[in-house]
C-alpha cells in the first residue's frame, strides 16, 4: 500500500563541528512520501536524467523497479531473469542505465524506454561481485568489486585503470568538483581519489563513526550524504570534511526519521530519496529550510 505523507523529520539531528571551522546550521527535512513495502532489500537508487522516474536496484527480487519520484508509486519493473542481486544503478552520458549486476560479476547496460529496459551490453573483467558503478561524462565507467577489493575503470569495453587496497567497496561517485569517492565499506571509511586513482582524502575515525557505509550522493552545495548501514543513519558531510548532520535514530526503526540499515541515496534539488533497505521501502524527504539557531 502506498503511503504519502508530509511530516517533519522527528529525529533530533546530531551536529558536529570539526577543527576550527564554524558549525553549519542544520538542514530541516520533511517526510514527503514512502513507497509500498513490496521491495526486497532495495539498494541504491538513481533519478532519470529528465527527473521523471526513480530507478531502484531491487536486490532481493533480482530486478530493477521504476517508481514515480514524487509519490513513489511503482510504474514498472524490468531485468527479471537477467540480473542477480543488483546493487547499484547509474546513468551514462548516452542515457543508458548501468547496473552493478553483482551476482553475475558484471556491469549490465540497459537501453531505457518508458518504464522498461532492454539489455544491450555488459562490462566484465578484473572485478568480482561489483557493487558500485558510475559513468564519467567522457565515457569512462568506474566500478567497484566488493569481492575483489578494487576499483576498475572501463573505456570502450576495455579495462584502462585499476586501484586496489579496498575492503568490500560499495559505491563510487563523483562530487560536484569532479573528485572521485569510494565507499570503502569494510574499512569503515570514505576515500577520495584523483583522476590518476591516487588517494587524496580519507574520511574515517571517531568523528564520523562510519560502520559499513554503502551508497552516497551529493547535493548542489557539495554536501555528501552517506547511507551508513550499521548505524542506521544518513550522515551529511560538508565539502571541508565537517560532519554537519546525522539523520536517523540510535538504532533500527521504522517510521518518520528512522531507518533500518539504509543503503541508497539520491538527491535532486530539495528532494532526497533514501533506500530504507531492511524496511523494504523507498522514502522521499524534502529539504524545507535551514534552521538558524
C-alpha atoms as a PDB file:
ATOM      1  CA  UNK A   1       0.000   0.000   0.000  1.00  0.00           C
ATOM      2  CA  UNK A   2       1.315   3.419  -0.924  1.00  0.00           C
ATOM      3  CA  UNK A   3       1.882   5.807   1.936  1.00  0.00           C
ATOM      4  CA  UNK A   4       2.101   9.504   1.093  1.00  0.00           C
ATOM      5  CA  UNK A   5       2.727  11.882   3.958  1.00  0.00           C
ATOM      6  CA  UNK A   6       4.161  15.281   4.764  1.00  0.00           C
ATOM      7  CA  UNK A   7       5.562  15.484   8.271  1.00  0.00           C
ATOM      8  CA  UNK A   8       8.671  16.936   9.818  1.00  0.00           C
ATOM      9  CA  UNK A   9      11.659  14.707  10.446  1.00  0.00           C
ATOM     10  CA  UNK A  10      11.317  13.976  14.133  1.00  0.00           C
ATOM     11  CA  UNK A  11      14.720  12.514  14.890  1.00  0.00           C
ATOM     12  CA  UNK A  12      16.953  15.122  16.507  1.00  0.00           C
ATOM     13  CA  UNK A  13      19.962  15.696  14.217  1.00  0.00           C
ATOM     14  CA  UNK A  14      23.409  15.185  15.669  1.00  0.00           C
ATOM     15  CA  UNK A  15      25.555  18.225  14.845  1.00  0.00           C
ATOM     16  CA  UNK A  16      29.326  18.076  14.959  1.00  0.00           C
ATOM     17  CA  UNK A  17      31.918  20.666  14.008  1.00  0.00           C
ATOM     18  CA  UNK A  18      35.485  19.704  13.129  1.00  0.00           C
ATOM     19  CA  UNK A  19      38.615  21.726  13.642  1.00  0.00           C
ATOM     20  CA  UNK A  20      38.353  25.488  13.921  1.00  0.00           C
ATOM     21  CA  UNK A  21      35.535  25.778  11.401  1.00  0.00           C
ATOM     22  CA  UNK A  22      32.160  27.237  12.259  1.00  0.00           C
ATOM     23  CA  UNK A  23      29.446  24.651  12.796  1.00  0.00           C
ATOM     24  CA  UNK A  24      26.914  24.807   9.983  1.00  0.00           C
ATOM     25  CA  UNK A  25      23.238  25.419  10.557  1.00  0.00           C
ATOM     26  CA  UNK A  26      21.331  22.140  10.309  1.00  0.00           C
ATOM     27  CA  UNK A  27      19.061  21.418   7.404  1.00  0.00           C
ATOM     28  CA  UNK A  28      15.412  20.710   8.113  1.00  0.00           C
ATOM     29  CA  UNK A  29      13.740  17.814   6.289  1.00  0.00           C
ATOM     30  CA  UNK A  30      10.100  16.817   5.901  1.00  0.00           C
ATOM     31  CA  UNK A  31       8.988  13.307   5.068  1.00  0.00           C
ATOM     32  CA  UNK A  32       7.021  13.583   1.821  1.00  0.00           C
ATOM     33  CA  UNK A  33       6.325  10.014   0.683  1.00  0.00           C
ATOM     34  CA  UNK A  34       7.051   6.361   1.305  1.00  0.00           C
ATOM     35  CA  UNK A  35       6.738   3.528  -1.173  1.00  0.00           C
ATOM     36  CA  UNK A  36       4.873   0.296  -0.838  1.00  0.00           C
ATOM     37  CA  UNK A  37       6.868  -2.329   1.045  1.00  0.00           C
ATOM     38  CA  UNK A  38       6.985  -4.945  -1.699  1.00  0.00           C
ATOM     39  CA  UNK A  39      10.698  -4.494  -2.349  1.00  0.00           C
ATOM     40  CA  UNK A  40      13.331  -6.885  -1.061  1.00  0.00           C
ATOM     41  CA  UNK A  41      16.353  -5.138   0.406  1.00  0.00           C
ATOM     42  CA  UNK A  42      16.377  -2.286  -2.124  1.00  0.00           C
ATOM     43  CA  UNK A  43      19.887  -0.952  -2.562  1.00  0.00           C
ATOM     44  CA  UNK A  44      20.994   2.114  -4.490  1.00  0.00           C
ATOM     45  CA  UNK A  45      18.635   4.390  -6.404  1.00  0.00           C
ATOM     46  CA  UNK A  46      19.006   6.927  -9.201  1.00  0.00           C
ATOM     47  CA  UNK A  47      16.774   9.568 -10.736  1.00  0.00           C
ATOM     48  CA  UNK A  48      16.436   9.549 -14.513  1.00  0.00           C
ATOM     49  CA  UNK A  49      18.161  12.431 -16.324  1.00  0.00           C
ATOM     50  CA  UNK A  50      14.775  14.032 -17.072  1.00  0.00           C
ATOM     51  CA  UNK A  51      13.637  13.622 -13.470  1.00  0.00           C
ATOM     52  CA  UNK A  52      10.541  11.636 -14.430  1.00  0.00           C
ATOM     53  CA  UNK A  53      11.422   8.257 -12.916  1.00  0.00           C
ATOM     54  CA  UNK A  54      13.327   6.800  -9.986  1.00  0.00           C
ATOM     55  CA  UNK A  55      15.197   3.551 -10.669  1.00  0.00           C
ATOM     56  CA  UNK A  56      15.762   1.107  -7.815  1.00  0.00           C
ATOM     57  CA  UNK A  57      18.198  -1.795  -7.596  1.00  0.00           C
ATOM     58  CA  UNK A  58      15.656  -4.194  -6.076  1.00  0.00           C
ATOM     59  CA  UNK A  59      18.308  -6.552  -4.780  1.00  0.00           C
ATOM     60  CA  UNK A  60      16.329  -9.405  -3.275  1.00  0.00           C
ATOM     61  CA  UNK A  61      13.836  -9.514  -6.146  1.00  0.00           C
ATOM     62  CA  UNK A  62      16.608  -9.638  -8.808  1.00  0.00           C
ATOM     63  CA  UNK A  63      15.122  -6.798 -10.832  1.00  0.00           C
ATOM     64  CA  UNK A  64      15.056  -3.072 -11.447  1.00  0.00           C
ATOM     65  CA  UNK A  65      11.968  -1.245 -10.218  1.00  0.00           C
ATOM     66  CA  UNK A  66      10.802   2.088 -11.657  1.00  0.00           C
ATOM     67  CA  UNK A  67       8.939   4.493  -9.359  1.00  0.00           C
ATOM     68  CA  UNK A  68       7.221   7.820  -9.688  1.00  0.00           C
ATOM     69  CA  UNK A  69       9.764  10.061  -7.951  1.00  0.00           C
ATOM     70  CA  UNK A  70       7.157  12.184  -6.140  1.00  0.00           C
ATOM     71  CA  UNK A  71       4.577   9.657  -4.961  1.00  0.00           C
ATOM     72  CA  UNK A  72       6.869   6.594  -5.058  1.00  0.00           C
ATOM     73  CA  UNK A  73       4.122   4.668  -6.806  1.00  0.00           C
ATOM     74  CA  UNK A  74       5.548   1.771  -8.820  1.00  0.00           C
ATOM     75  CA  UNK A  75       5.454   2.392 -12.587  1.00  0.00           C
ATOM     76  CA  UNK A  76       7.069  -0.797 -13.822  1.00  0.00           C
ATOM     77  CA  UNK A  77       9.847  -3.356 -13.418  1.00  0.00           C
ATOM     78  CA  UNK A  78      12.365  -4.952 -15.757  1.00  0.00           C
ATOM     79  CA  UNK A  79      15.526  -7.101 -15.911  1.00  0.00           C
ATOM     80  CA  UNK A  80      13.882 -10.135 -14.260  1.00  0.00           C
ATOM     81  CA  UNK A  81      15.854 -13.228 -15.233  1.00  0.00           C
ATOM     82  CA  UNK A  82      18.752 -11.081 -16.440  1.00  0.00           C
ATOM     83  CA  UNK A  83      20.303  -9.667 -13.275  1.00  0.00           C
ATOM     84  CA  UNK A  84      21.144 -11.283  -9.949  1.00  0.00           C
ATOM     85  CA  UNK A  85      21.436  -9.349  -6.678  1.00  0.00           C
ATOM     86  CA  UNK A  86      21.714  -5.907  -8.330  1.00  0.00           C
ATOM     87  CA  UNK A  87      23.294  -3.352  -6.028  1.00  0.00           C
ATOM     88  CA  UNK A  88      23.805  -0.086  -7.897  1.00  0.00           C
ATOM     89  CA  UNK A  89      22.235   1.852 -10.767  1.00  0.00           C
ATOM     90  CA  UNK A  90      23.616   4.862 -12.652  1.00  0.00           C
ATOM     91  CA  UNK A  91      23.046   6.619 -15.961  1.00  0.00           C
ATOM     92  CA  UNK A  92      25.774   7.267 -18.523  1.00  0.00           C
ATOM     93  CA  UNK A  93      26.032  10.242 -20.877  1.00  0.00           C
ATOM     94  CA  UNK A  94      24.048   8.334 -23.520  1.00  0.00           C
ATOM     95  CA  UNK A  95      21.102   7.881 -21.166  1.00  0.00           C
ATOM     96  CA  UNK A  96      21.728   4.162 -20.715  1.00  0.00           C
ATOM     97  CA  UNK A  97      21.219   2.598 -17.300  1.00  0.00           C
ATOM     98  CA  UNK A  98      24.282   0.881 -15.853  1.00  0.00           C
ATOM     99  CA  UNK A  99      23.517  -1.832 -13.304  1.00  0.00           C
ATOM    100  CA  UNK A 100      26.031  -3.343 -10.897  1.00  0.00           C
ATOM    101  CA  UNK A 101      24.861  -6.903 -11.581  1.00  0.00           C
ATOM    102  CA  UNK A 102      26.560  -8.345  -8.540  1.00  0.00           C
ATOM    103  CA  UNK A 103      25.551 -11.976  -8.797  1.00  0.00           C
ATOM    104  CA  UNK A 104      26.765 -12.141 -12.395  1.00  0.00           C
ATOM    105  CA  UNK A 105      30.012 -10.205 -11.713  1.00  0.00           C
ATOM    106  CA  UNK A 106      29.371  -7.674 -14.448  1.00  0.00           C
ATOM    107  CA  UNK A 107      28.033  -4.242 -15.213  1.00  0.00           C
ATOM    108  CA  UNK A 108      24.844  -4.744 -17.216  1.00  0.00           C
ATOM    109  CA  UNK A 109      23.917  -1.993 -19.680  1.00  0.00           C
ATOM    110  CA  UNK A 110      20.268  -1.209 -20.441  1.00  0.00           C
ATOM    111  CA  UNK A 111      18.681   0.986 -23.066  1.00  0.00           C
ATOM    112  CA  UNK A 112      15.773   2.569 -21.216  1.00  0.00           C
ATOM    113  CA  UNK A 113      12.492   3.422 -22.879  1.00  0.00           C
ATOM    114  CA  UNK A 114       9.476   4.475 -20.863  1.00  0.00           C
ATOM    115  CA  UNK A 115       9.416   2.303 -17.765  1.00  0.00           C
ATOM    116  CA  UNK A 116      11.124  -0.622 -19.467  1.00  0.00           C
ATOM    117  CA  UNK A 117      14.697  -1.523 -20.252  1.00  0.00           C
ATOM    118  CA  UNK A 118      16.442  -3.658 -22.880  1.00  0.00           C
ATOM    119  CA  UNK A 119      19.770  -5.347 -22.144  1.00  0.00           C
ATOM    120  CA  UNK A 120      22.224  -4.090 -24.774  1.00  0.00           C
ATOM    121  CA  UNK A 121      25.635  -4.977 -23.376  1.00  0.00           C
ATOM    122  CA  UNK A 122      27.855  -5.583 -20.388  1.00  0.00           C
ATOM    123  CA  UNK A 123      31.274  -4.779 -18.941  1.00  0.00           C
ATOM    124  CA  UNK A 124      33.321  -7.559 -17.388  1.00  0.00           C
ATOM    125  CA  UNK A 125      36.863  -8.210 -16.266  1.00  0.00           C
ATOM    126  CA  UNK A 126      39.009  -7.730 -13.155  1.00  0.00           C
ATOM    127  CA  UNK A 127      36.013  -7.206 -10.859  1.00  0.00           C
ATOM    128  CA  UNK A 128      34.244  -9.804  -8.766  1.00  0.00           C
ATOM    129  CA  UNK A 129      30.810  -9.066  -7.383  1.00  0.00           C
ATOM    130  CA  UNK A 130      30.648  -5.395  -8.411  1.00  0.00           C
ATOM    131  CA  UNK A 131      28.528  -3.306  -6.064  1.00  0.00           C
ATOM    132  CA  UNK A 132      29.153   0.240  -7.285  1.00  0.00           C
ATOM    133  CA  UNK A 133      29.138   1.912 -10.700  1.00  0.00           C
ATOM    134  CA  UNK A 134      29.303   5.450 -12.081  1.00  0.00           C
ATOM    135  CA  UNK A 135      29.886   6.900 -15.560  1.00  0.00           C
ATOM    136  CA  UNK A 136      32.139   9.852 -16.307  1.00  0.00           C
ATOM    137  CA  UNK A 137      30.927  12.323 -18.952  1.00  0.00           C
ATOM    138  CA  UNK A 138      33.901  11.342 -21.140  1.00  0.00           C
ATOM    139  CA  UNK A 139      32.589   7.772 -21.437  1.00  0.00           C
ATOM    140  CA  UNK A 140      34.689   6.021 -18.836  1.00  0.00           C
ATOM    141  CA  UNK A 141      32.855   3.726 -16.432  1.00  0.00           C
ATOM    142  CA  UNK A 142      34.121   3.222 -12.876  1.00  0.00           C
ATOM    143  CA  UNK A 143      33.074   0.100 -10.972  1.00  0.00           C
ATOM    144  CA  UNK A 144      33.951  -1.370  -7.584  1.00  0.00           C
ATOM    145  CA  UNK A 145      34.499  -5.064  -6.967  1.00  0.00           C
ATOM    146  CA  UNK A 146      33.284  -5.966  -3.487  1.00  0.00           C
ATOM    147  CA  UNK A 147      34.845  -9.431  -3.644  1.00  0.00           C
ATOM    148  CA  UNK A 148      37.999  -8.322  -5.479  1.00  0.00           C
ATOM    149  CA  UNK A 149      38.587  -5.265  -3.274  1.00  0.00           C
ATOM    150  CA  UNK A 150      39.285  -2.938  -6.171  1.00  0.00           C
ATOM    151  CA  UNK A 151      38.122  -0.097  -8.367  1.00  0.00           C
ATOM    152  CA  UNK A 152      38.252  -0.719 -12.124  1.00  0.00           C
ATOM    153  CA  UNK A 153      37.947   1.796 -14.958  1.00  0.00           C
ATOM    154  CA  UNK A 154      36.487   0.781 -18.317  1.00  0.00           C
ATOM    155  CA  UNK A 155      36.674   2.645 -21.597  1.00  0.00           C
ATOM    156  CA  UNK A 156      35.064   1.230 -24.711  1.00  0.00           C
ATOM    157  CA  UNK A 157      34.636  -2.126 -23.011  1.00  0.00           C
ATOM    158  CA  UNK A 158      38.311  -2.437 -22.051  1.00  0.00           C
ATOM    159  CA  UNK A 159      39.895  -2.091 -18.624  1.00  0.00           C
ATOM    160  CA  UNK A 160      42.099   1.027 -18.660  1.00  0.00           C
ATOM    161  CA  UNK A 161      42.743   1.577 -14.950  1.00  0.00           C
ATOM    162  CA  UNK A 162      42.612  -0.101 -11.585  1.00  0.00           C
ATOM    163  CA  UNK A 163      43.167   0.753  -7.921  1.00  0.00           C
ATOM    164  CA  UNK A 164      43.322  -1.748  -5.071  1.00  0.00           C
ATOM    165  CA  UNK A 165      43.565  -1.678  -1.307  1.00  0.00           C
ATOM    166  CA  UNK A 166      39.841  -1.508  -0.579  1.00  0.00           C
ATOM    167  CA  UNK A 167      37.796  -3.930   1.502  1.00  0.00           C
ATOM    168  CA  UNK A 168      34.313  -4.733   0.198  1.00  0.00           C
ATOM    169  CA  UNK A 169      33.992  -1.360  -1.592  1.00  0.00           C
ATOM    170  CA  UNK A 170      30.463  -0.340  -2.481  1.00  0.00           C
ATOM    171  CA  UNK A 171      29.521   2.956  -4.081  1.00  0.00           C
ATOM    172  CA  UNK A 172      31.699   5.046  -6.348  1.00  0.00           C
ATOM    173  CA  UNK A 173      30.595   8.593  -7.193  1.00  0.00           C
ATOM    174  CA  UNK A 174      31.804  11.986  -8.391  1.00  0.00           C
ATOM    175  CA  UNK A 175      31.413  15.097  -6.282  1.00  0.00           C
ATOM    176  CA  UNK A 176      30.364  18.406  -7.923  1.00  0.00           C
ATOM    177  CA  UNK A 177      34.010  19.392  -8.469  1.00  0.00           C
ATOM    178  CA  UNK A 178      34.787  16.141 -10.292  1.00  0.00           C
ATOM    179  CA  UNK A 179      36.530  14.386  -7.418  1.00  0.00           C
ATOM    180  CA  UNK A 180      36.016  10.639  -7.163  1.00  0.00           C
ATOM    181  CA  UNK A 181      34.815   8.975  -3.958  1.00  0.00           C
ATOM    182  CA  UNK A 182      34.630   5.316  -2.947  1.00  0.00           C
ATOM    183  CA  UNK A 183      32.676   3.944  -0.007  1.00  0.00           C
ATOM    184  CA  UNK A 184      35.338   1.601   1.410  1.00  0.00           C
ATOM    185  CA  UNK A 185      32.727  -0.267   3.377  1.00  0.00           C
ATOM    186  CA  UNK A 186      34.558  -2.920   5.361  1.00  0.00           C
ATOM    187  CA  UNK A 187      37.254  -0.376   6.263  1.00  0.00           C
ATOM    188  CA  UNK A 188      34.538   1.984   7.589  1.00  0.00           C
ATOM    189  CA  UNK A 189      35.750   4.974   5.614  1.00  0.00           C
ATOM    190  CA  UNK A 190      35.177   7.183   2.596  1.00  0.00           C
ATOM    191  CA  UNK A 191      38.136   7.514   0.224  1.00  0.00           C
ATOM    192  CA  UNK A 192      38.686  10.377  -2.228  1.00  0.00           C
ATOM    193  CA  UNK A 193      40.800   9.840  -5.350  1.00  0.00           C
ATOM    194  CA  UNK A 194      42.059  11.966  -8.215  1.00  0.00           C
ATOM    195  CA  UNK A 195      41.884  11.170 -11.908  1.00  0.00           C
ATOM    196  CA  UNK A 196      45.078   9.120 -11.650  1.00  0.00           C
ATOM    197  CA  UNK A 197      43.342   6.976  -8.985  1.00  0.00           C
ATOM    198  CA  UNK A 198      45.662   8.285  -6.277  1.00  0.00           C
ATOM    199  CA  UNK A 199      44.189   8.716  -2.803  1.00  0.00           C
ATOM    200  CA  UNK A 200      43.710  12.388  -1.953  1.00  0.00           C
ATOM    201  CA  UNK A 201      41.417  12.318   1.098  1.00  0.00           C
ATOM    202  CA  UNK A 202      40.179   9.849   3.679  1.00  0.00           C
ATOM    203  CA  UNK A 203      37.193  10.398   5.951  1.00  0.00           C
ATOM    204  CA  UNK A 204      37.437   7.979   8.852  1.00  0.00           C
ATOM    205  CA  UNK A 205      37.720   7.691  12.595  1.00  0.00           C
ATOM    206  CA  UNK A 206      35.678   8.584  15.630  1.00  0.00           C
ATOM    207  CA  UNK A 207      34.416  11.876  14.233  1.00  0.00           C
ATOM    208  CA  UNK A 208      32.380  10.081  11.569  1.00  0.00           C
ATOM    209  CA  UNK A 209      31.997   6.663  13.259  1.00  0.00           C
ATOM    210  CA  UNK A 210      31.207   5.054   9.918  1.00  0.00           C
ATOM    211  CA  UNK A 211      30.078   1.439  10.153  1.00  0.00           C
ATOM    212  CA  UNK A 212      29.645  -0.187   6.774  1.00  0.00           C
ATOM    213  CA  UNK A 213      28.997   2.943   4.659  1.00  0.00           C
ATOM    214  CA  UNK A 214      27.230   1.915   1.478  1.00  0.00           C
ATOM    215  CA  UNK A 215      25.994   4.461  -1.098  1.00  0.00           C
ATOM    216  CA  UNK A 216      26.282   8.211  -1.398  1.00  0.00           C
ATOM    217  CA  UNK A 217      25.223  11.271  -3.345  1.00  0.00           C
ATOM    218  CA  UNK A 218      25.930  14.999  -3.313  1.00  0.00           C
ATOM    219  CA  UNK A 219      23.629  17.982  -3.126  1.00  0.00           C
ATOM    220  CA  UNK A 220      24.128  21.205  -5.095  1.00  0.00           C
ATOM    221  CA  UNK A 221      26.151  22.715  -2.252  1.00  0.00           C
ATOM    222  CA  UNK A 222      28.618  19.835  -2.383  1.00  0.00           C
ATOM    223  CA  UNK A 223      27.485  18.121   0.805  1.00  0.00           C
ATOM    224  CA  UNK A 224      27.982  14.362   0.777  1.00  0.00           C
ATOM    225  CA  UNK A 225      25.104  12.208   2.041  1.00  0.00           C
ATOM    226  CA  UNK A 226      26.284   8.739   3.095  1.00  0.00           C
ATOM    227  CA  UNK A 227      23.965   5.833   3.882  1.00  0.00           C
ATOM    228  CA  UNK A 228      25.821   4.385   6.879  1.00  0.00           C
ATOM    229  CA  UNK A 229      24.277   0.948   7.077  1.00  0.00           C
ATOM    230  CA  UNK A 230      25.076  -0.396  10.520  1.00  0.00           C
ATOM    231  CA  UNK A 231      24.497   2.843  12.422  1.00  0.00           C
ATOM    232  CA  UNK A 232      21.058   3.039  10.731  1.00  0.00           C
ATOM    233  CA  UNK A 233      21.776   6.623   9.787  1.00  0.00           C
ATOM    234  CA  UNK A 234      22.369   9.047   6.953  1.00  0.00           C
ATOM    235  CA  UNK A 235      25.477  11.133   7.589  1.00  0.00           C
ATOM    236  CA  UNK A 236      25.933  14.519   5.914  1.00  0.00           C
ATOM    237  CA  UNK A 237      29.484  15.753   5.331  1.00  0.00           C
ATOM    238  CA  UNK A 238      30.334  19.284   4.174  1.00  0.00           C
ATOM    239  CA  UNK A 239      32.906  19.859   1.401  1.00  0.00           C
ATOM    240  CA  UNK A 240      35.525  20.760   4.013  1.00  0.00           C
ATOM    241  CA  UNK A 241      35.106  17.356   5.656  1.00  0.00           C
ATOM    242  CA  UNK A 242      32.989  18.517   8.596  1.00  0.00           C
ATOM    243  CA  UNK A 243      30.278  16.129   9.703  1.00  0.00           C
ATOM    244  CA  UNK A 244      27.392  18.583   9.863  1.00  0.00           C
ATOM    245  CA  UNK A 245      24.337  16.415  10.379  1.00  0.00           C
ATOM    246  CA  UNK A 246      23.155  12.895  11.137  1.00  0.00           C
ATOM    247  CA  UNK A 247      19.662  11.679  10.260  1.00  0.00           C
ATOM    248  CA  UNK A 248      18.208   8.655  11.983  1.00  0.00           C
ATOM    249  CA  UNK A 249      17.757   7.188  15.427  1.00  0.00           C
ATOM    250  CA  UNK A 250      20.112   5.438  17.811  1.00  0.00           C
ATOM    251  CA  UNK A 251      19.097   2.062  16.398  1.00  0.00           C
ATOM    252  CA  UNK A 252      16.935   0.460  13.732  1.00  0.00           C
ATOM    253  CA  UNK A 253      13.400   1.749  13.385  1.00  0.00           C
ATOM    254  CA  UNK A 254      10.509   2.083  11.012  1.00  0.00           C
ATOM    255  CA  UNK A 255       8.684   5.336  10.606  1.00  0.00           C
ATOM    256  CA  UNK A 256       9.344   9.032  10.493  1.00  0.00           C
ATOM    257  CA  UNK A 257      13.002   9.959  10.822  1.00  0.00           C
ATOM    258  CA  UNK A 258      14.341   6.464  11.462  1.00  0.00           C
ATOM    259  CA  UNK A 259      15.756   3.735   9.228  1.00  0.00           C
ATOM    260  CA  UNK A 260      16.748   0.093   9.293  1.00  0.00           C
ATOM    261  CA  UNK A 261      20.154  -0.429   7.658  1.00  0.00           C
ATOM    262  CA  UNK A 262      19.689   2.164   4.904  1.00  0.00           C
ATOM    263  CA  UNK A 263      21.799   1.744   1.770  1.00  0.00           C
ATOM    264  CA  UNK A 264      20.743   4.020  -1.104  1.00  0.00           C
ATOM    265  CA  UNK A 265      20.760   7.799  -1.591  1.00  0.00           C
ATOM    266  CA  UNK A 266      19.671  10.042  -4.478  1.00  0.00           C
ATOM    267  CA  UNK A 267      19.388  13.839  -4.476  1.00  0.00           C
ATOM    268  CA  UNK A 268      17.879  16.312  -6.915  1.00  0.00           C
ATOM    269  CA  UNK A 269      17.271  19.886  -5.812  1.00  0.00           C
ATOM    270  CA  UNK A 270      15.435  19.866  -2.482  1.00  0.00           C
ATOM    271  CA  UNK A 271      14.295  16.259  -2.866  1.00  0.00           C
ATOM    272  CA  UNK A 272      16.253  13.482  -1.174  1.00  0.00           C
ATOM    273  CA  UNK A 273      15.439   9.796  -1.590  1.00  0.00           C
ATOM    274  CA  UNK A 274      16.710   7.023   0.675  1.00  0.00           C
ATOM    275  CA  UNK A 275      16.530   3.250   0.442  1.00  0.00           C
ATOM    276  CA  UNK A 276      15.223   2.190   3.841  1.00  0.00           C
ATOM    277  CA  UNK A 277      16.657  -1.160   2.926  1.00  0.00           C
ATOM    278  CA  UNK A 278      15.630  -3.548   5.663  1.00  0.00           C
ATOM    279  CA  UNK A 279      12.213  -1.950   5.897  1.00  0.00           C
ATOM    280  CA  UNK A 280      11.910  -2.944   2.216  1.00  0.00           C
ATOM    281  CA  UNK A 281      10.890   0.509   1.044  1.00  0.00           C
ATOM    282  CA  UNK A 282      11.979   3.806  -0.500  1.00  0.00           C
ATOM    283  CA  UNK A 283      11.306   7.137   1.223  1.00  0.00           C
ATOM    284  CA  UNK A 284      11.421  10.737  -0.004  1.00  0.00           C
ATOM    285  CA  UNK A 285      12.286  13.717   2.167  1.00  0.00           C
ATOM    286  CA  UNK A 286      12.205  17.393   1.210  1.00  0.00           C
ATOM    287  CA  UNK A 287      14.703  19.971   2.438  1.00  0.00           C
ATOM    288  CA  UNK A 288      12.411  22.771   3.567  1.00  0.00           C
ATOM    289  CA  UNK A 289      14.703  25.332   5.167  1.00  0.00           C
ATOM    290  CA  UNK A 290      17.811  25.890   7.261  1.00  0.00           C
ATOM    291  CA  UNK A 291      17.163  26.126  10.954  1.00  0.00           C
ATOM    292  CA  UNK A 292      19.047  29.133  12.332  1.00  0.00           C
ATOM    293  CA  UNK A 293      19.876  28.817  15.990  1.00  0.00           C
END
